[in-house]
């Protein structure tokens, strides 16, 4: 199994770790022989994911509440994004 935990470091700050555990069994008797665990520091990954989530949330709030029309186009002119304000301003849907 794999789980993610927040642990307190000896010096007081917190880190995020991913813990993976595997049970090893004896093939003949089917009894548990040992458990192998791996603990991996994923603090930087978590911080990057949190920063991305915050950025996406800010972007979403801006685009949903702006009164101007914001359009994202491909080089050939195909619209890949249009703010919902387009309908209110021009009467068109994307």
Protein backbone atom coordinates (compact mmCIF):
# COMPACT_ATOMS: atom_id res chain seq x y z
CA UNK A 1 0.00 0.00 0.00
CA UNK A 2 0.98 3.62 -0.45
CA UNK A 3 -0.03 6.58 1.65
CA UNK A 4 0.90 10.23 1.99
CA UNK A 5 1.58 11.74 5.39
CA UNK A 6 2.69 15.07 6.82
CA UNK A 7 5.43 14.60 9.42
CA UNK A 8 7.13 16.98 11.80
CA UNK A 9 10.91 17.20 11.37
CA UNK A 10 13.16 17.19 14.43
CA UNK A 11 13.84 20.93 14.00
CA UNK A 12 10.11 21.72 13.97
CA UNK A 13 9.22 22.22 10.31
CA UNK A 14 6.86 19.88 8.49
CA UNK A 15 7.61 17.66 5.51
CA UNK A 16 5.39 15.56 3.27
CA UNK A 17 6.35 11.94 2.75
CA UNK A 18 5.03 9.12 0.63
CA UNK A 19 5.18 5.78 2.40
CA UNK A 20 5.06 2.56 0.42
CA UNK A 21 4.82 -0.78 2.18
CA UNK A 22 5.12 -4.25 0.67
CA UNK A 23 4.57 -7.52 2.48
CA UNK A 24 6.85 -10.44 1.58
CA UNK A 25 5.47 -13.93 2.07
CA UNK A 26 7.07 -17.37 2.12
CA UNK A 27 5.77 -19.13 -1.00
CA UNK A 28 5.61 -22.55 0.61
CA UNK A 29 3.86 -21.66 3.85
CA UNK A 30 2.17 -18.43 2.76
CA UNK A 31 3.29 -16.81 6.01
CA UNK A 32 4.52 -13.26 6.32
CA UNK A 33 8.32 -13.19 6.27
CA UNK A 34 9.01 -9.46 6.28
CA UNK A 35 7.61 -6.06 5.49
CA UNK A 36 9.57 -3.68 3.28
CA UNK A 37 8.84 0.01 3.66
CA UNK A 38 10.07 2.98 1.66
CA UNK A 39 9.61 6.55 2.88
CA UNK A 40 10.20 9.24 0.25
CA UNK A 41 10.29 13.02 0.83
CA UNK A 42 7.74 14.61 -1.52
CA UNK A 43 7.70 18.07 0.11
CA UNK A 44 8.87 19.92 -3.02
CA UNK A 45 6.33 18.09 -5.19
CA UNK A 46 3.52 18.95 -2.76
CA UNK A 47 4.58 22.60 -2.65
CA UNK A 48 4.60 22.75 -6.46
CA UNK A 49 1.16 21.09 -6.64
CA UNK A 50 -0.23 23.53 -4.06
CA UNK A 51 1.24 26.52 -5.93
CA UNK A 52 -0.26 25.27 -9.21
CA UNK A 53 -3.66 24.71 -7.59
CA UNK A 54 -3.60 28.25 -6.12
CA UNK A 55 -2.60 29.72 -9.47
CA UNK A 56 -5.35 27.83 -11.30
CA UNK A 57 -7.91 28.99 -8.73
CA UNK A 58 -6.87 32.64 -9.16
CA UNK A 59 -6.97 32.27 -12.96
CA UNK A 60 -10.44 30.69 -12.79
CA UNK A 61 -11.78 33.44 -10.52
CA UNK A 62 -10.43 36.14 -12.81
CA UNK A 63 -11.77 34.61 -16.01
CA UNK A 64 -15.20 33.88 -14.51
CA UNK A 65 -15.65 37.40 -13.14
CA UNK A 66 -13.99 39.65 -15.71
CA UNK A 67 -16.31 41.80 -17.82
CA UNK A 68 -13.88 41.89 -20.74
CA UNK A 69 -13.76 39.10 -23.28
CA UNK A 70 -10.58 37.02 -23.10
CA UNK A 71 -9.93 34.64 -25.98
CA UNK A 72 -7.18 32.06 -26.42
CA UNK A 73 -6.53 31.10 -30.04
CA UNK A 74 -4.40 28.56 -31.84
CA UNK A 75 -2.20 29.86 -34.70
CA UNK A 76 -4.88 28.79 -37.20
CA UNK A 77 -7.52 30.89 -35.41
CA UNK A 78 -9.36 28.10 -33.60
CA UNK A 79 -10.64 29.25 -30.21
CA UNK A 80 -9.47 27.10 -27.32
CA UNK A 81 -10.84 29.34 -24.58
CA UNK A 82 -13.35 32.19 -24.36
CA UNK A 83 -14.50 33.82 -21.14
CA UNK A 84 -18.17 33.53 -20.28
CA UNK A 85 -18.44 37.33 -20.50
CA UNK A 86 -18.50 36.91 -24.30
CA UNK A 87 -22.20 36.00 -24.20
CA UNK A 88 -23.15 39.00 -22.08
CA UNK A 89 -21.09 41.44 -24.13
CA UNK A 90 -21.69 40.14 -27.65
CA UNK A 91 -24.56 37.68 -27.30
CA UNK A 92 -22.43 34.80 -28.61
CA UNK A 93 -21.53 31.54 -26.95
CA UNK A 94 -18.12 29.96 -27.47
